[in-house]
Amino acid sequence: MSKESFQRAAEEIKQITKRPSNDELLSLYALFKQGTEGDVQGSRPGMFDLKSRAKYDAWAKLKGKSTESARSEYVKLVESLKQKYS
């Protein structure tokens, strides 16, 4: 998957007309972060910061996945969400 396709998908997801589910949003976040930064870094947020903790956990589940693989999955997810929510 080319970097251009990944960047285009990141822009296209902003154009959907309905809000994806929380699980879909977490998947988008985690795949994007893994595709741009690699494995999760830093410490897990505290238990009172539920949103940040959920995002961290979703990203941490992808530990070891290559950035190329994460980018490819991200583009596929964006395509399916565009069809579902546009």
N, C-alpha and C. Protein backbone atom coordinates (compact mmCIF):
# COMPACT_ATOMS: atom_id res chain seq x y z
N MET A 1 0.85 -1.17 0.00
CA MET A 1 0.00 0.00 0.00
C MET A 1 0.89 1.24 0.00
N SER A 2 0.64 2.13 -0.92
CA SER A 2 1.48 3.32 -1.02
C SER A 2 1.14 4.33 0.07
N LYS A 3 2.10 5.13 0.38
CA LYS A 3 1.91 6.18 1.38
C LYS A 3 0.85 7.17 0.90
N GLU A 4 0.78 7.38 -0.41
CA GLU A 4 -0.19 8.30 -0.98
C GLU A 4 -1.61 7.77 -0.78
N SER A 5 -1.81 6.47 -0.98
CA SER A 5 -3.13 5.86 -0.77
C SER A 5 -3.56 6.00 0.69
N PHE A 6 -2.61 5.82 1.59
CA PHE A 6 -2.87 5.94 3.02
C PHE A 6 -3.27 7.38 3.36
N GLN A 7 -2.52 8.34 2.86
CA GLN A 7 -2.81 9.75 3.13
C GLN A 7 -4.15 10.16 2.51
N ARG A 8 -4.45 9.65 1.33
CA ARG A 8 -5.72 9.95 0.67
C ARG A 8 -6.88 9.39 1.49
N ALA A 9 -6.71 8.18 2.01
CA ALA A 9 -7.75 7.57 2.85
C ALA A 9 -7.97 8.38 4.12
N ALA A 10 -6.88 8.91 4.70
CA ALA A 10 -6.99 9.72 5.90
C ALA A 10 -7.80 11.00 5.64
N GLU A 11 -7.70 11.53 4.44
CA GLU A 11 -8.49 12.71 4.06
C GLU A 11 -9.93 12.32 3.72
N GLU A 12 -10.10 11.21 3.04
CA GLU A 12 -11.44 10.78 2.60
C GLU A 12 -12.34 10.42 3.77
N ILE A 13 -11.78 9.88 4.85
CA ILE A 13 -12.61 9.48 5.98
C ILE A 13 -13.28 10.70 6.62
N LYS A 14 -12.70 11.86 6.44
CA LYS A 14 -13.29 13.09 6.99
C LYS A 14 -14.54 13.52 6.24
N GLN A 15 -14.78 12.93 5.07
CA GLN A 15 -15.90 13.33 4.23
C GLN A 15 -17.18 12.52 4.46
N ILE A 16 -17.12 11.49 5.28
CA ILE A 16 -18.32 10.68 5.47
C ILE A 16 -19.37 11.50 6.20
N THR A 17 -20.64 11.17 5.96
CA THR A 17 -21.73 12.00 6.46
C THR A 17 -22.27 11.54 7.81
N LYS A 18 -22.05 10.31 8.19
CA LYS A 18 -22.53 9.80 9.48
C LYS A 18 -21.34 9.37 10.33
N ARG A 19 -21.53 9.40 11.63
CA ARG A 19 -20.46 9.04 12.57
C ARG A 19 -20.37 7.52 12.72
N PRO A 20 -19.16 6.96 12.50
CA PRO A 20 -18.97 5.52 12.73
C PRO A 20 -19.14 5.17 14.21
N SER A 21 -19.28 3.88 14.49
CA SER A 21 -19.42 3.43 15.88
C SER A 21 -18.11 3.68 16.63
N ASN A 22 -18.17 3.63 17.94
CA ASN A 22 -16.96 3.83 18.75
C ASN A 22 -15.90 2.79 18.44
N ASP A 23 -16.32 1.53 18.24
CA ASP A 23 -15.34 0.48 17.89
C ASP A 23 -14.67 0.77 16.56
N GLU A 24 -15.44 1.25 15.59
CA GLU A 24 -14.86 1.58 14.28
C GLU A 24 -13.90 2.76 14.41
N LEU A 25 -14.27 3.74 15.22
CA LEU A 25 -13.40 4.90 15.43
C LEU A 25 -12.10 4.49 16.11
N LEU A 26 -12.19 3.59 17.09
CA LEU A 26 -10.99 3.11 17.75
C LEU A 26 -10.09 2.34 16.78
N SER A 27 -10.70 1.55 15.91
CA SER A 27 -9.91 0.82 14.90
C SER A 27 -9.21 1.79 13.96
N LEU A 28 -9.93 2.81 13.52
CA LEU A 28 -9.32 3.82 12.65
C LEU A 28 -8.14 4.48 13.35
N TYR A 29 -8.33 4.87 14.58
CA TYR A 29 -7.28 5.53 15.36
C TYR A 29 -6.06 4.63 15.49
N ALA A 30 -6.30 3.40 15.93
CA ALA A 30 -5.19 2.48 16.18
C ALA A 30 -4.42 2.16 14.91
N LEU A 31 -5.12 1.90 13.82
CA LEU A 31 -4.45 1.59 12.56
C LEU A 31 -3.68 2.80 12.05
N PHE A 32 -4.26 3.99 12.20
CA PHE A 32 -3.56 5.20 11.76
C PHE A 32 -2.28 5.39 12.56
N LYS A 33 -2.37 5.29 13.87
CA LYS A 33 -1.19 5.47 14.72
C LYS A 33 -0.12 4.41 14.43
N GLN A 34 -0.55 3.16 14.26
CA GLN A 34 0.42 2.09 13.96
C GLN A 34 1.05 2.32 12.59
N GLY A 35 0.25 2.83 11.66
CA GLY A 35 0.75 3.09 10.30
C GLY A 35 1.66 4.29 10.20
N THR A 36 1.56 5.20 11.17
CA THR A 36 2.40 6.40 11.11
C THR A 36 3.54 6.38 12.13
N GLU A 37 3.31 5.79 13.31
CA GLU A 37 4.32 5.86 14.37
C GLU A 37 4.88 4.51 14.79
N GLY A 38 4.25 3.42 14.36
CA GLY A 38 4.71 2.10 14.79
C GLY A 38 4.10 1.72 16.13
N ASP A 39 4.78 0.87 16.87
CA ASP A 39 4.25 0.36 18.14
C ASP A 39 3.99 1.48 19.14
N VAL A 40 2.99 1.24 19.97
CA VAL A 40 2.59 2.21 21.01
C VAL A 40 3.77 2.51 21.94
N GLN A 41 3.82 3.76 22.37
CA GLN A 41 4.89 4.19 23.25
C GLN A 41 4.27 4.93 24.43
N GLY A 42 5.03 5.05 25.48
CA GLY A 42 4.55 5.77 26.65
C GLY A 42 3.80 4.86 27.59
N SER A 43 3.34 5.44 28.68
CA SER A 43 2.62 4.64 29.68
C SER A 43 1.12 4.74 29.44
N ARG A 44 0.43 3.73 29.91
CA ARG A 44 -1.02 3.64 29.76
C ARG A 44 -1.67 4.73 30.62
N PRO A 45 -2.63 5.48 30.05
CA PRO A 45 -3.31 6.53 30.83
C PRO A 45 -4.03 5.96 32.05
N GLY A 46 -4.25 6.81 33.03
CA GLY A 46 -4.91 6.40 34.26
C GLY A 46 -6.35 5.98 34.05
N MET A 47 -6.91 5.30 35.04
CA MET A 47 -8.23 4.71 34.89
C MET A 47 -9.35 5.75 34.83
N PHE A 48 -9.09 6.98 35.18
CA PHE A 48 -10.12 8.01 35.09
C PHE A 48 -10.16 8.70 33.74
N ASP A 49 -9.16 8.46 32.92
CA ASP A 49 -9.11 9.02 31.57
C ASP A 49 -9.55 7.92 30.60
N LEU A 50 -10.85 7.66 30.58
CA LEU A 50 -11.38 6.50 29.84
C LEU A 50 -11.13 6.58 28.33
N LYS A 51 -11.31 7.76 27.76
CA LYS A 51 -11.14 7.91 26.31
C LYS A 51 -9.69 7.63 25.89
N SER A 52 -8.75 8.27 26.58
CA SER A 52 -7.33 8.07 26.25
C SER A 52 -6.90 6.64 26.51
N ARG A 53 -7.44 6.05 27.55
CA ARG A 53 -7.10 4.67 27.89
C ARG A 53 -7.60 3.70 26.80
N ALA A 54 -8.82 3.93 26.31
CA ALA A 54 -9.37 3.08 25.25
C ALA A 54 -8.55 3.22 23.97
N LYS A 55 -8.14 4.43 23.65
CA LYS A 55 -7.32 4.64 22.46
C LYS A 55 -5.96 3.96 22.61
N TYR A 56 -5.36 4.11 23.77
CA TYR A 56 -4.07 3.47 24.04
C TYR A 56 -4.19 1.95 23.91
N ASP A 57 -5.23 1.38 24.52
CA ASP A 57 -5.41 -0.08 24.48
C ASP A 57 -5.64 -0.58 23.06
N ALA A 58 -6.42 0.17 22.27
CA ALA A 58 -6.66 -0.24 20.88
C ALA A 58 -5.36 -0.24 20.09
N TRP A 59 -4.54 0.76 20.30
CA TRP A 59 -3.25 0.85 19.61
C TRP A 59 -2.31 -0.24 20.10
N ALA A 60 -2.30 -0.49 21.39
CA ALA A 60 -1.40 -1.50 21.97
C ALA A 60 -1.70 -2.90 21.42
N LYS A 61 -2.94 -3.17 21.07
CA LYS A 61 -3.31 -4.48 20.51
C LYS A 61 -2.62 -4.75 19.18
N LEU A 62 -2.18 -3.70 18.52
CA LEU A 62 -1.54 -3.84 17.21
C LEU A 62 -0.02 -3.96 17.31
N LYS A 63 0.50 -4.06 18.51
CA LYS A 63 1.95 -4.13 18.71
C LYS A 63 2.55 -5.25 17.85
N GLY A 64 3.59 -4.91 17.13
CA GLY A 64 4.27 -5.88 16.28
C GLY A 64 3.79 -5.87 14.83
N LYS A 65 2.65 -5.26 14.56
CA LYS A 65 2.15 -5.18 13.19
C LYS A 65 3.00 -4.16 12.43
N SER A 66 3.39 -4.49 11.23
CA SER A 66 4.22 -3.58 10.44
C SER A 66 3.41 -2.34 10.04
N THR A 67 4.13 -1.24 9.83
CA THR A 67 3.44 -0.02 9.41
C THR A 67 2.76 -0.22 8.07
N GLU A 68 3.38 -0.98 7.19
CA GLU A 68 2.79 -1.25 5.87
C GLU A 68 1.48 -2.02 6.00
N SER A 69 1.46 -3.02 6.84
CA SER A 69 0.26 -3.81 7.06
C SER A 69 -0.84 -2.95 7.69
N ALA A 70 -0.47 -2.12 8.65
CA ALA A 70 -1.45 -1.24 9.30
C ALA A 70 -2.03 -0.24 8.30
N ARG A 71 -1.19 0.29 7.43
CA ARG A 71 -1.66 1.22 6.41
C ARG A 71 -2.64 0.55 5.46
N SER A 72 -2.32 -0.66 5.05
CA SER A 72 -3.19 -1.40 4.15
C SER A 72 -4.55 -1.66 4.80
N GLU A 73 -4.55 -2.10 6.05
CA GLU A 73 -5.80 -2.35 6.77
C GLU A 73 -6.58 -1.06 6.97
N TYR A 74 -5.89 0.03 7.22
CA TYR A 74 -6.54 1.33 7.39
C TYR A 74 -7.28 1.72 6.12
N VAL A 75 -6.62 1.61 4.98
CA VAL A 75 -7.24 1.98 3.69
C VAL A 75 -8.47 1.11 3.45
N LYS A 76 -8.37 -0.19 3.73
CA LYS A 76 -9.52 -1.08 3.53
C LYS A 76 -10.67 -0.70 4.46
N LEU A 77 -10.36 -0.36 5.70
CA LEU A 77 -11.40 0.03 6.65
C LEU A 77 -12.06 1.33 6.21
N VAL A 78 -11.28 2.29 5.75
CA VAL A 78 -11.84 3.55 5.27
C VAL A 78 -12.79 3.29 4.10
N GLU A 79 -12.38 2.44 3.17
CA GLU A 79 -13.24 2.14 2.02
C GLU A 79 -14.57 1.53 2.47
N SER A 80 -14.52 0.61 3.42
CA SER A 80 -15.77 -0.02 3.89
C SER A 80 -16.63 0.99 4.65
N LEU A 81 -16.02 1.88 5.42
CA LEU A 81 -16.79 2.88 6.15
C LEU A 81 -17.39 3.93 5.22
N LYS A 82 -16.67 4.26 4.16
CA LYS A 82 -17.21 5.20 3.17
C LYS A 82 -18.49 4.65 2.55
N GLN A 83 -18.48 3.37 2.23
CA GLN A 83 -19.66 2.74 1.64
C GLN A 83 -20.80 2.66 2.66
N LYS A 84 -20.45 2.41 3.89
CA LYS A 84 -21.46 2.22 4.95
C LYS A 84 -22.07 3.54 5.41
N TYR A 85 -21.27 4.60 5.47
CA TYR A 85 -21.73 5.84 6.09
C TYR A 85 -21.85 7.04 5.17
N SER A 86 -21.57 6.89 3.90
CA SER A 86 -21.67 8.05 2.99
C SER A 86 -23.03 8.08 2.32
